Each structure stands twice: as structure tokens, then as C-alpha cells.
Protein backbone atom coordinates (compact mmCIF):
# COMPACT_ATOMS: atom_id res chain seq x y z
CA MET A 1 112.00 114.21 53.70
CA ARG A 2 114.43 111.53 54.90
CA THR A 3 116.28 113.94 57.18
CA ARG A 4 113.01 115.12 58.73
CA LEU A 5 112.20 111.56 59.77
CA ALA A 6 115.72 110.68 60.84
CA LEU A 7 115.82 112.95 63.91
CA PRO A 8 112.51 111.75 65.43
CA CYS A 9 113.51 108.13 64.76
CA LEU A 10 116.87 108.69 66.40
CA LEU A 11 115.24 110.30 69.45
CA LEU A 12 112.75 107.44 69.78
CA SER A 13 115.56 104.89 69.53
CA LEU A 14 117.55 106.65 72.25
CA ALA A 15 114.48 106.89 74.47
CA ALA A 16 113.82 103.18 74.04
CA LEU A 17 117.42 102.35 74.96
CA SER A 18 117.20 104.37 78.15
CA CYS A 19 114.04 102.55 79.29
CA ARG A 20 114.83 99.50 81.34
CA ALA A 21 112.85 96.31 81.20
CA PRO A 22 111.53 95.02 84.50
CA GLN A 23 114.30 93.31 86.42
CA SER A 24 114.02 89.64 87.21
CA PRO A 25 114.08 88.73 90.90
CA ALA A 26 117.50 88.71 92.50
CA PRO A 27 118.91 85.24 93.14
CA LEU A 28 119.52 84.11 96.70
CA LYS A 29 123.19 85.00 96.79
CA ALA A 30 123.72 84.23 100.45
CA PRO A 31 126.14 81.36 100.94
CA VAL A 32 124.48 78.17 102.11
CA ALA A 33 126.44 78.36 105.39
CA ALA A 34 124.76 81.70 106.21
CA TRP A 35 121.36 80.03 106.40
CA SER A 36 120.36 78.28 109.59
CA THR A 37 117.89 75.42 109.38
CA THR A 38 115.53 74.53 112.21
CA PRO A 39 114.67 70.90 113.06
CA SER A 40 111.39 71.32 111.14
CA GLY A 41 113.30 72.24 107.97
CA LEU A 42 112.63 76.00 108.01
CA GLY A 43 115.52 78.01 106.57
CA ILE A 44 116.31 81.32 108.28
CA LEU A 45 118.64 84.07 107.13
CA ASP A 46 118.72 87.31 109.15
CA LEU A 47 119.21 90.40 107.00
CA ALA A 48 118.95 92.93 109.86
CA PRO A 49 118.62 91.76 113.47
CA GLY A 50 116.20 94.37 114.85
CA ALA A 51 116.48 96.01 118.25
CA GLY A 52 113.00 95.62 119.69
CA PRO A 53 111.36 92.77 121.58
CA SER A 54 110.42 89.39 120.11
CA PRO A 55 106.71 88.56 119.87
CA THR A 56 105.13 86.08 122.25
CA LEU A 57 102.36 83.57 121.62
CA GLY A 58 99.11 85.34 120.73
CA GLN A 59 100.59 88.81 120.25
CA SER A 60 99.58 90.59 117.07
CA CYS A 61 102.44 90.93 114.56
CA THR A 62 102.40 93.53 111.81
CA VAL A 63 104.76 92.63 108.96
CA GLU A 64 105.70 93.77 105.51
CA VAL A 65 106.24 90.72 103.33
CA LEU A 66 107.57 89.79 99.93
CA GLY A 67 106.95 86.19 98.87
CA TRP A 68 108.23 84.09 95.98
CA ILE A 69 108.01 80.55 94.78
CA GLU A 70 111.50 79.07 94.88
CA GLU A 71 112.65 78.07 91.42
CA LYS A 72 116.04 76.35 90.97
CA GLY A 73 117.28 77.65 94.33
CA GLU A 74 116.39 81.27 93.55
CA LYS A 75 113.55 83.71 93.99
CA GLY A 76 111.11 82.82 91.26
CA ARG A 77 107.64 84.17 90.64
CA LEU A 78 106.48 86.86 93.08
CA ILE A 79 103.30 85.77 94.88
CA LEU A 80 102.99 88.38 97.65
CA ASP A 81 104.02 92.00 98.12
CA THR A 82 102.26 93.75 101.00
CA ARG A 83 103.68 97.16 100.10
CA GLN A 84 102.36 96.89 96.56
CA ARG A 85 98.89 95.93 97.81
CA GLY A 86 98.98 98.92 100.16
CA PHE A 87 98.77 97.43 103.65
CA PRO A 88 100.91 95.13 105.83
CA ALA A 89 99.93 91.67 107.02
CA LYS A 90 98.66 91.54 110.60
CA PHE A 91 97.99 88.35 112.56
CA PRO A 92 98.35 86.81 116.04
CA LEU A 93 101.50 84.72 116.42
CA GLY A 94 101.32 80.97 116.95
CA VAL A 95 97.57 80.42 116.77
CA GLY A 96 97.36 78.95 113.26
CA ARG A 97 96.12 82.00 111.34
CA VAL A 98 99.09 81.82 108.96
CA ILE A 99 101.26 79.03 107.58
CA LYS A 100 103.45 77.18 110.08
CA GLY A 101 106.63 78.57 108.53
CA TRP A 102 105.54 82.13 109.28
CA ASP A 103 104.65 81.36 112.91
CA GLU A 104 107.95 79.56 113.49
CA GLY A 105 110.11 82.08 111.63
CA LEU A 106 108.65 85.17 113.28
CA ALA A 107 108.72 83.80 116.83
CA THR A 108 112.46 84.48 117.16
CA MET A 109 112.59 87.79 115.29
CA LYS A 110 112.97 91.13 117.00
CA GLN A 111 110.83 94.15 116.17
CA GLY A 112 112.46 96.17 113.40
CA GLY A 113 114.30 93.11 112.07
CA LYS A 114 114.38 91.78 108.53
CA ARG A 115 114.64 88.10 107.72
CA LEU A 116 114.45 85.67 104.81
CA LEU A 117 112.55 82.45 105.36
CA ARG A 118 112.80 79.38 103.16
CA VAL A 119 109.56 77.52 103.84
CA PRO A 120 109.48 73.85 102.83
CA PRO A 121 106.17 72.39 101.65
CA ALA A 122 105.46 70.77 105.05
CA LEU A 123 105.43 74.25 106.66
CA GLY A 124 103.68 76.02 103.78
CA TYR A 125 100.28 75.67 102.19
CA SER A 126 98.48 72.36 102.01
CA PRO A 127 97.09 71.41 98.58
CA ARG A 128 93.68 72.48 99.88
CA GLU A 129 94.95 75.91 101.01
CA ALA A 130 97.16 76.67 98.02
CA LYS A 131 95.75 79.15 95.56
CA GLN A 132 96.02 78.82 91.79
CA ASP A 133 99.30 80.76 91.77
CA ILE A 134 101.02 78.40 94.25
CA PRO A 135 101.76 74.91 92.94
CA PRO A 136 101.37 71.94 95.27
CA ASP A 137 104.51 71.00 97.21
CA ALA A 138 106.18 74.34 96.46
CA THR A 139 109.07 75.64 98.53
CA LEU A 140 108.40 79.30 99.29
CA LEU A 141 110.71 82.20 100.06
CA PHE A 142 109.55 85.12 102.18
CA GLU A 143 111.31 88.32 103.12
CA PHE A 144 109.86 89.75 106.33
CA GLU A 145 110.16 93.03 108.15
CA LEU A 146 108.65 92.88 111.64
CA VAL A 147 107.13 96.35 111.86
CA ASP A 148 105.09 96.18 115.08
CA ILE A 149 104.08 93.89 117.94
CA ARG A 150 100.98 94.48 120.09
């Protein structure tokens, strides 16, 4: 009887070992010198420059976005994933439809580019705008891909 149970137990143990637990978010490994900081305090790190045009004031930007709350200088809790929700974010640039950090950070991107933004609280959500999953005065990290400009 023991040998009959040993094989299924062994197989289950091996299967459990081959399953991987969800990975924690990758830390921001870019050296501090690689980030540029605007006068407003927005941190910008280009991941891929893009080859298309940059958006102008009022043009509609379509972006894929990942967003995290910064925790101890790293990507913390995920708060936004447009691919997971099934549709990109779309908004006119520079007219106040999104947080100030997004408007400022996307204005100098080129279509097809990818960029990390480190958004300080002053350019993020006000306490009134913040949802339950975003603490007040949080620094936010966003990874953008500028998919389309119209």
C-alpha cells in the first residue's frame, strides 16, 4: 500500500516544485544617473526612443501603461495595467484629463517609444483624486508605450 501512494506523492511534489510563484515586481535597476529630472521634479528614463512624431497639445494619445506605487525606491504594488484590463488609455495631451506627470512626460515622447516616469506627489493624484489603492502623497512609477497619436 505504501508503494502505491509513494509514486503519486512523488509526482505531486515534482509538479509543485515546477510551478513558480508569482514574481515580485522588478526593482528599478537603472543607475540614478540614467534618469533625467525635469524642473517640476518628474523623473524620466527612456527605455526605447521611438521613431515617430511627438504629440502636440490637444492631440489624442493612445498608450499602454503599467503603474506602480514606489516603495523603497522600487516598483511596489501594481495599480494599473492597461493590457490586463484589455484596452489602452486614450486621452488628449495637455488639457488636464490625466495627472500632470503624464501630460509632461508624454509631451516629449515619440510614437513607438517606451519610457519610465517617476511621478512625485505634486504631479500625481491629489488626496481628493486618489483612489483607495493609492495612498496620499505617493510617488508613482509608470511605464509607458506611446502606441498612437491622432
